[in-house]
PDB file of N, CA and C in Angstrom:
ATOM      1  N   MET A   1      96.051 107.020  88.111  1.00  0.00           N
ATOM      2  CA  MET A   1      97.014 105.654  88.489  1.00  0.00           C
ATOM      3  C   MET A   1      97.012 105.524  89.467  1.00  0.00           C
ATOM      4  N   GLU A   2      96.980 104.032  90.154  1.00  0.00           N
ATOM      5  CA  GLU A   2      97.283 103.700  91.423  1.00  0.00           C
ATOM      6  C   GLU A   2      98.571 104.020  92.165  1.00  0.00           C
ATOM      7  N   GLN A   3      98.576 104.199  93.371  1.00  0.00           N
ATOM      8  CA  GLN A   3     100.111 103.879  94.299  1.00  0.00           C
ATOM      9  C   GLN A   3      99.845 102.962  94.899  1.00  0.00           C
ATOM     10  N   HIS A   4     100.656 102.142  94.832  1.00  0.00           N
ATOM     11  CA  HIS A   4     101.304 100.572  95.908  1.00  0.00           C
ATOM     12  C   HIS A   4     102.430 101.105  96.869  1.00  0.00           C
ATOM     13  N   PRO A   5     102.388 101.162  98.160  1.00  0.00           N
ATOM     14  CA  PRO A   5     102.360 101.181  99.206  1.00  0.00           C
ATOM     15  C   PRO A   5     103.960 100.485  99.018  1.00  0.00           C
ATOM     16  N   TRP A   6     104.348  99.168  98.429  1.00  0.00           N
ATOM     17  CA  TRP A   6     105.098  98.389  98.308  1.00  0.00           C
ATOM     18  C   TRP A   6     105.937  98.238  96.602  1.00  0.00           C
ATOM     19  N   PRO A   7     107.043  98.042  96.467  1.00  0.00           N
ATOM     20  CA  PRO A   7     107.194  98.183  95.242  1.00  0.00           C
ATOM     21  C   PRO A   7     106.321  96.878  94.300  1.00  0.00           C
ATOM     22  N   LEU A   8     105.727  96.424  93.161  1.00  0.00           N
ATOM     23  CA  LEU A   8     105.249  96.371  92.241  1.00  0.00           C
ATOM     24  C   LEU A   8     106.557  94.967  91.930  1.00  0.00           C
ATOM     25  N   CYS A   9     106.254  93.692  92.173  1.00  0.00           N
ATOM     26  CA  CYS A   9     106.940  92.459  91.455  1.00  0.00           C
ATOM     27  C   CYS A   9     106.606  92.399  90.250  1.00  0.00           C
ATOM     28  N   ARG A  10     108.211  92.654  89.608  1.00  0.00           N
ATOM     29  CA  ARG A  10     108.322  92.809  88.218  1.00  0.00           C
ATOM     30  C   ARG A  10     108.679  90.659  87.989  1.00  0.00           C
ATOM     31  N   LYS A  11     108.911  90.378  88.627  1.00  0.00           N
ATOM     32  CA  LYS A  11     108.520  89.173  87.941  1.00  0.00           C
ATOM     33  C   LYS A  11     107.247  88.755  87.699  1.00  0.00           C
ATOM     34  N   CYS A  12     106.454  88.681  88.232  1.00  0.00           N
ATOM     35  CA  CYS A  12     104.464  88.281  87.697  1.00  0.00           C
ATOM     36  C   CYS A  12     103.980  90.051  87.447  1.00  0.00           C
ATOM     37  N   GLY A  13     104.497  91.381  87.890  1.00  0.00           N
ATOM     38  CA  GLY A  13     103.409  92.465  87.985  1.00  0.00           C
ATOM     39  C   GLY A  13     102.374  92.169  88.325  1.00  0.00           C
ATOM     40  N   GLU A  14     101.900  91.391  89.254  1.00  0.00           N
ATOM     41  CA  GLU A  14     100.687  91.134  89.979  1.00  0.00           C
ATOM     42  C   GLU A  14     100.397  91.829  91.022  1.00  0.00           C
ATOM     43  N   GLY A  15     101.341  90.538  91.747  1.00  0.00           N
ATOM     44  CA  GLY A  15     101.458  90.865  93.245  1.00  0.00           C
ATOM     45  C   GLY A  15     102.637  92.492  93.669  1.00  0.00           C
ATOM     46  N   ASP A  16     102.157  92.356  94.969  1.00  0.00           N
ATOM     47  CA  ASP A  16     103.612  93.455  95.750  1.00  0.00           C
ATOM     48  C   ASP A  16     104.604  92.735  96.500  1.00  0.00           C
ATOM     49  N   LEU A  17     105.830  93.541  96.009  1.00  0.00           N
ATOM     50  CA  LEU A  17     107.220  92.911  97.119  1.00  0.00           C
ATOM     51  C   LEU A  17     106.936  93.132  98.597  1.00  0.00           C
ATOM     52  N   VAL A  18     106.783  92.531  99.466  1.00  0.00           N
ATOM     53  CA  VAL A  18     106.649  93.146 101.012  1.00  0.00           C
ATOM     54  C   VAL A  18     107.747  92.662 101.879  1.00  0.00           C
ATOM     55  N   PRO A  19     108.085  93.758 102.956  1.00  0.00           N
ATOM     56  CA  PRO A  19     109.888  93.469 103.055  1.00  0.00           C
ATOM     57  C   PRO A  19     109.589  92.318 104.335  1.00  0.00           C
ATOM     58  N   LEU A  20     109.720  91.059 105.212  1.00  0.00           N
ATOM     59  CA  LEU A  20     110.646  90.229 105.948  1.00  0.00           C
ATOM     60  C   LEU A  20     111.337  90.875 107.026  1.00  0.00           C
ATOM     61  N   SER A  21     111.097  91.356 107.580  1.00  0.00           N
ATOM     62  CA  SER A  21     112.749  91.777 109.111  1.00  0.00           C
ATOM     63  C   SER A  21     112.281  90.400 109.898  1.00  0.00           C
ATOM     64  N   ASP A  22     113.206  90.016 110.426  1.00  0.00           N
ATOM     65  CA  ASP A  22     114.611  89.318 110.759  1.00  0.00           C
ATOM     66  C   ASP A  22     115.225  89.817 112.132  1.00  0.00           C
ATOM     67  N   TYR A  23     116.008  88.706 113.386  1.00  0.00           N
ATOM     68  CA  TYR A  23     116.341  88.994 114.500  1.00  0.00           C
ATOM     69  C   TYR A  23     118.061  88.857 113.695  1.00  0.00           C
ATOM     70  N   GLY A  24     119.067  89.348 114.407  1.00  0.00           N
ATOM     71  CA  GLY A  24     120.720  88.441 114.084  1.00  0.00           C
ATOM     72  C   GLY A  24     120.465  88.127 115.168  1.00  0.00           C
ATOM     73  N   THR A  25     121.714  87.178 115.178  1.00  0.00           N
ATOM     74  CA  THR A  25     122.229  86.000 115.943  1.00  0.00           C
ATOM     75  C   THR A  25     122.643  86.985 117.271  1.00  0.00           C
ATOM     76  N   GLU A  26     123.155  87.827 117.686  1.00  0.00           N
ATOM     77  CA  GLU A  26     123.441  88.949 118.854  1.00  0.00           C
ATOM     78  C   GLU A  26     122.116  89.855 119.024  1.00  0.00           C
ATOM     79  N   GLY A  27     120.885  89.388 118.633  1.00  0.00           N
ATOM     80  CA  GLY A  27     119.771  90.147 118.847  1.00  0.00           C
ATOM     81  C   GLY A  27     119.329  91.057 118.381  1.00  0.00           C
ATOM     82  N   ALA A  28     119.737  91.546 117.583  1.00  0.00           N
ATOM     83  CA  ALA A  28     120.019  92.591 117.133  1.00  0.00           C
ATOM     84  C   ALA A  28     118.608  92.977 115.736  1.00  0.00           C
ATOM     85  N   SER A  29     117.705  93.438 115.508  1.00  0.00           N
ATOM     86  CA  SER A  29     116.294  93.711 114.722  1.00  0.00           C
ATOM     87  C   SER A  29     117.418  94.321 113.191  1.00  0.00           C
ATOM     88  N   ILE A  30     117.058  93.557 112.783  1.00  0.00           N
ATOM     89  CA  ILE A  30     117.413  93.266 110.895  1.00  0.00           C
ATOM     90  C   ILE A  30     115.670  93.791 110.211  1.00  0.00           C
ATOM     91  N   LEU A  31     115.572  94.949 109.679  1.00  0.00           N
ATOM     92  CA  LEU A  31     114.894  94.948 108.880  1.00  0.00           C
ATOM     93  C   LEU A  31     114.659  95.247 107.007  1.00  0.00           C
ATOM     94  N   TYR A  32     114.093  94.563 107.110  1.00  0.00           N
ATOM     95  CA  TYR A  32     114.256  94.440 105.722  1.00  0.00           C
ATOM     96  C   TYR A  32     115.466  93.120 105.777  1.00  0.00           C
ATOM     97  N   LYS A  33     115.688  92.226 106.172  1.00  0.00           N
ATOM     98  CA  LYS A  33     116.221  90.963 105.570  1.00  0.00           C
ATOM     99  C   LYS A  33     116.009  90.532 104.093  1.00  0.00           C
ATOM    100  N   ALA A  34     114.699  90.149 104.160  1.00  0.00           N
ATOM    101  CA  ALA A  34     113.628  89.518 103.028  1.00  0.00           C
ATOM    102  C   ALA A  34     112.634  89.977 101.990  1.00  0.00           C
ATOM    103  N   TRP A  35     112.180  89.591 101.050  1.00  0.00           N
ATOM    104  CA  TRP A  35     111.652  90.553 100.015  1.00  0.00           C
ATOM    105  C   TRP A  35     110.552  89.365  99.368  1.00  0.00           C
ATOM    106  N   ILE A  36     109.399  89.422  99.754  1.00  0.00           N
ATOM    107  CA  ILE A  36     108.356  88.245  98.832  1.00  0.00           C
ATOM    108  C   ILE A  36     107.789  89.225  98.114  1.00  0.00           C
ATOM    109  N   CYS A  37     107.248  87.890  97.533  1.00  0.00           N
ATOM    110  CA  CYS A  37     106.119  88.431  96.544  1.00  0.00           C
ATOM    111  C   CYS A  37     104.770  88.239  96.743  1.00  0.00           C
ATOM    112  N   THR A  38     103.653  89.238  97.201  1.00  0.00           N
ATOM    113  CA  THR A  38     102.535  88.846  97.713  1.00  0.00           C
ATOM    114  C   THR A  38     101.539  87.621  96.476  1.00  0.00           C
ATOM    115  N   ASN A  39     102.192  86.950  95.325  1.00  0.00           N
ATOM    116  CA  ASN A  39     100.620  86.726  94.505  1.00  0.00           C
ATOM    117  C   ASN A  39     102.041  85.285  94.435  1.00  0.00           C
ATOM    118  N   PRO A  40     101.159  83.837  95.337  1.00  0.00           N
ATOM    119  CA  PRO A  40     101.341  82.987  95.771  1.00  0.00           C
ATOM    120  C   PRO A  40     101.901  82.453  94.694  1.00  0.00           C
ATOM    121  N   ALA A  41     100.782  82.358  93.667  1.00  0.00           N
ATOM    122  CA  ALA A  41     101.552  81.554  92.202  1.00  0.00           C
ATOM    123  C   ALA A  41     102.802  81.881  91.356  1.00  0.00           C
ATOM    124  N   CYS A  42     102.766  82.767  92.218  1.00  0.00           N
ATOM    125  CA  CYS A  42     104.461  83.860  91.572  1.00  0.00           C
ATOM    126  C   CYS A  42     105.333  83.268  92.373  1.00  0.00           C
ATOM    127  N   GLY A  43     105.768  83.244  93.442  1.00  0.00           N
ATOM    128  CA  GLY A  43     106.145  82.855  94.486  1.00  0.00           C
ATOM    129  C   GLY A  43     108.074  83.951  94.372  1.00  0.00           C
ATOM    130  N   PHE A  44     107.586  84.953  93.987  1.00  0.00           N
ATOM    131  CA  PHE A  44     109.255  85.427  93.838  1.00  0.00           C
ATOM    132  C   PHE A  44     109.754  85.906  95.108  1.00  0.00           C
ATOM    133  N   ASN A  45     111.195  85.869  95.669  1.00  0.00           N
ATOM    134  CA  ASN A  45     111.648  86.208  97.086  1.00  0.00           C
ATOM    135  C   ASN A  45     113.014  86.493  96.778  1.00  0.00           C
ATOM    136  N   LEU A  46     113.547  87.199  97.279  1.00  0.00           N
ATOM    137  CA  LEU A  46     115.152  87.676  97.933  1.00  0.00           C
ATOM    138  C   LEU A  46     115.635  87.911  99.410  1.00  0.00           C
ATOM    139  N   LYS A  47     116.591  87.646  99.635  1.00  0.00           N
ATOM    140  CA  LYS A  47     116.764  87.396 100.910  1.00  0.00           C
ATOM    141  C   LYS A  47     118.541  87.524 101.159  1.00  0.00           C
ATOM    142  N   ILE A  48     118.923  88.373 101.797  1.00  0.00           N
ATOM    143  CA  ILE A  48     120.442  88.276 102.944  1.00  0.00           C
ATOM    144  C   ILE A  48     120.378  87.693 103.564  1.00  0.00           C
ATOM    145  N   HIS A  49     121.761  86.870 103.992  1.00  0.00           N
ATOM    146  CA  HIS A  49     122.416  86.084 104.652  1.00  0.00           C
ATOM    147  C   HIS A  49     123.649  85.878 104.841  1.00  0.00           C
ATOM    148  N   LYS A  50     124.745  86.792 106.255  1.00  0.00           N
ATOM    149  CA  LYS A  50     125.750  86.883 105.779  1.00  0.00           C
ATOM    150  C   LYS A  50     126.123  87.428 104.979  1.00  0.00           C
ATOM    151  N   GLY A  51     125.370  88.469 104.171  1.00  0.00           N
ATOM    152  CA  GLY A  51     126.689  89.389 103.140  1.00  0.00           C
ATOM    153  C   GLY A  51     126.007  89.152 102.027  1.00  0.00           C
ATOM    154  N   ASN A  52     125.483  87.737 101.593  1.00  0.00           N
ATOM    155  CA  ASN A  52     125.018  87.307 100.246  1.00  0.00           C
ATOM    156  C   ASN A  52     123.462  87.307 100.073  1.00  0.00           C
ATOM    157  N   LEU A  53     123.673  87.806  98.698  1.00  0.00           N
ATOM    158  CA  LEU A  53     122.110  87.706  98.377  1.00  0.00           C
ATOM    159  C   LEU A  53     121.553  86.016  97.777  1.00  0.00           C
ATOM    160  N   PHE A  54     120.758  86.000  98.274  1.00  0.00           N
ATOM    161  CA  PHE A  54     119.860  85.035  97.476  1.00  0.00           C
ATOM    162  C   PHE A  54     118.807  84.842  96.810  1.00  0.00           C
ATOM    163  N   ILE A  55     118.517  84.618  95.700  1.00  0.00           N
ATOM    164  CA  ILE A  55     116.932  85.081  95.067  1.00  0.00           C
ATOM    165  C   ILE A  55     116.139  83.991  94.492  1.00  0.00           C
ATOM    166  N   ASN A  56     115.258  84.277  94.893  1.00  0.00           N
ATOM    167  CA  ASN A  56     114.251  82.773  94.802  1.00  0.00           C
ATOM    168  C   ASN A  56     114.020  81.167  95.476  1.00  0.00           C
ATOM    169  N   GLU A  57     114.935  81.452  96.809  1.00  0.00           N
ATOM    170  CA  GLU A  57     115.371  80.155  97.551  1.00  0.00           C
ATOM    171  C   GLU A  57     113.495  79.741  97.510  1.00  0.00           C
ATOM    172  N   PRO A  58     114.035  78.362  98.177  1.00  0.00           N
ATOM    173  CA  PRO A  58     112.104  77.367  98.323  1.00  0.00           C
ATOM    174  C   PRO A  58     111.398  77.852  99.237  1.00  0.00           C
ATOM    175  N   VAL A  59     110.549  78.453  98.731  1.00  0.00           N
ATOM    176  CA  VAL A  59     109.782  79.549 100.258  1.00  0.00           C
ATOM    177  C   VAL A  59     108.498  77.661 100.641  1.00  0.00           C
ATOM    178  N   ASN A  60     109.194  77.220 102.165  1.00  0.00           N
ATOM    179  CA  ASN A  60     108.568  76.219 102.591  1.00  0.00           C
ATOM    180  C   ASN A  60     106.805  76.835 103.028  1.00  0.00           C
ATOM    181  N   ASP A  61     105.748  75.933 102.582  1.00  0.00           N
ATOM    182  CA  ASP A  61     105.013  76.227 104.028  1.00  0.00           C
ATOM    183  C   ASP A  61     104.337  75.301 104.760  1.00  0.00           C
ATOM    184  N   ARG A  62     103.689  76.251 106.104  1.00  0.00           N
ATOM    185  CA  ARG A  62     104.090  75.552 107.260  1.00  0.00           C
ATOM    186  C   ARG A  62     102.170  75.839 108.317  1.00  0.00           C
ATOM    187  N   GLY A  63     101.952  75.781 108.905  1.00  0.00           N
ATOM    188  CA  GLY A  63     100.746  76.179 109.509  1.00  0.00           C
ATOM    189  C   GLY A  63     101.197  76.563 110.302  1.00  0.00           C
ATOM    190  N   PRO A  64     100.309  77.121 110.568  1.00  0.00           N
ATOM    191  CA  PRO A  64     100.276  78.577 111.984  1.00  0.00           C
ATOM    192  C   PRO A  64     101.217  77.425 113.317  1.00  0.00           C
ATOM    193  N   TYR A  65     102.063  78.509 114.010  1.00  0.00           N
ATOM    194  CA  TYR A  65     102.834  78.640 115.024  1.00  0.00           C
ATOM    195  C   TYR A  65     101.345  78.047 115.860  1.00  0.00           C
ATOM    196  N   VAL A  66     102.043  77.413 117.027  1.00  0.00           N
ATOM    197  CA  VAL A  66     100.589  76.294 117.987  1.00  0.00           C
ATOM    198  C   VAL A  66     101.990  76.520 119.608  1.00  0.00           C
ATOM    199  N   PRO A  67     101.788  77.666 120.341  1.00  0.00           N
ATOM    200  CA  PRO A  67     103.139  77.843 120.963  1.00  0.00           C
ATOM    201  C   PRO A  67     102.564  76.214 122.371  1.00  0.00           C
ATOM    202  N   ASN A  68     103.814  75.810 122.532  1.00  0.00           N
ATOM    203  CA  ASN A  68     103.673  74.067 123.371  1.00  0.00           C
ATOM    204  C   ASN A  68     102.896  75.247 124.934  1.00  0.00           C
ATOM    205  N   ASN A  69     102.279  74.710 125.123  1.00  0.00           N
ATOM    206  CA  ASN A  69     102.256  74.952 126.418  1.00  0.00           C
ATOM    207  C   ASN A  69     102.016  74.026 127.841  1.00  0.00           C
ATOM    208  N   HIS A  70     102.580  72.887 127.470  1.00  0.00           N
ATOM    209  CA  HIS A  70     102.131  71.168 128.094  1.00  0.00           C
ATOM    210  C   HIS A  70     104.199  71.587 128.620  1.00  0.00           C
ATOM    211  N   ALA A  71     105.006  72.253 128.111  1.00  0.00           N
ATOM    212  CA  ALA A  71     106.497  72.350 128.674  1.00  0.00           C
ATOM    213  C   ALA A  71     106.034  72.876 130.506  1.00  0.00           C
ATOM    214  N   PRO A  72     107.187  71.791 131.090  1.00  0.00           N
ATOM    215  CA  PRO A  72     107.326  71.805 131.995  1.00  0.00           C
ATOM    216  C   PRO A  72     108.205  72.920 132.079  1.00  0.00           C
ATOM    217  N   HIS A  73     107.726  73.580 133.161  1.00  0.00           N
ATOM    218  CA  HIS A  73     108.728  75.035 133.350  1.00  0.00           C
ATOM    219  C   HIS A  73     109.251  74.997 134.576  1.00  0.00           C
ATOM    220  N   ASN A  74     110.370  75.897 134.326  1.00  0.00           N
ATOM    221  CA  ASN A  74     111.633  75.713 135.694  1.00  0.00           C
ATOM    222  C   ASN A  74     111.166  77.418 136.625  1.00  0.00           C
ATOM    223  N   HIS A  75     111.086  76.793 138.344  1.00  0.00           N
ATOM    224  CA  HIS A  75     110.408  77.769 138.953  1.00  0.00           C
ATOM    225  C   HIS A  75     111.383  78.128 139.848  1.00  0.00           C
ATOM    226  N   GLY A  76     112.982  78.552 139.160  1.00  0.00           N
ATOM    227  CA  GLY A  76     114.023  78.197 140.006  1.00  0.00           C
ATOM    228  C   GLY A  76     114.082  77.182 141.024  1.00  0.00           C
ATOM    229  N   VAL A  77     113.629  76.181 141.057  1.00  0.00           N
ATOM    230  CA  VAL A  77     114.664  74.597 141.869  1.00  0.00           C
ATOM    231  C   VAL A  77     115.096  74.211 140.843  1.00  0.00           C
TER     232      VAL A  77
END
C-alpha cells in the first residue's frame, strides 16, 4: 500500500490535499490556513477566514509574480 504524505482528496480520489499557509493582519504566521487538491481538474479547496470555514471558493489563475524593480526608492530623503 502506497503511503501519502498528505491526505488523499475525498472529492476526486486522485489528488492530494496540500496545505497553504498565510500571515495574519498582525504579521503572525498562520499554518494550514487553507487546503487545496493537487488535481487541477478537481479544484476542491477549503480555507479558514476570520473563524469561518469556506469550501470550494473560486481559485483564480494568475501568472507568476514579477517584482517591480522600477519603483522609485526612498533613500531617507
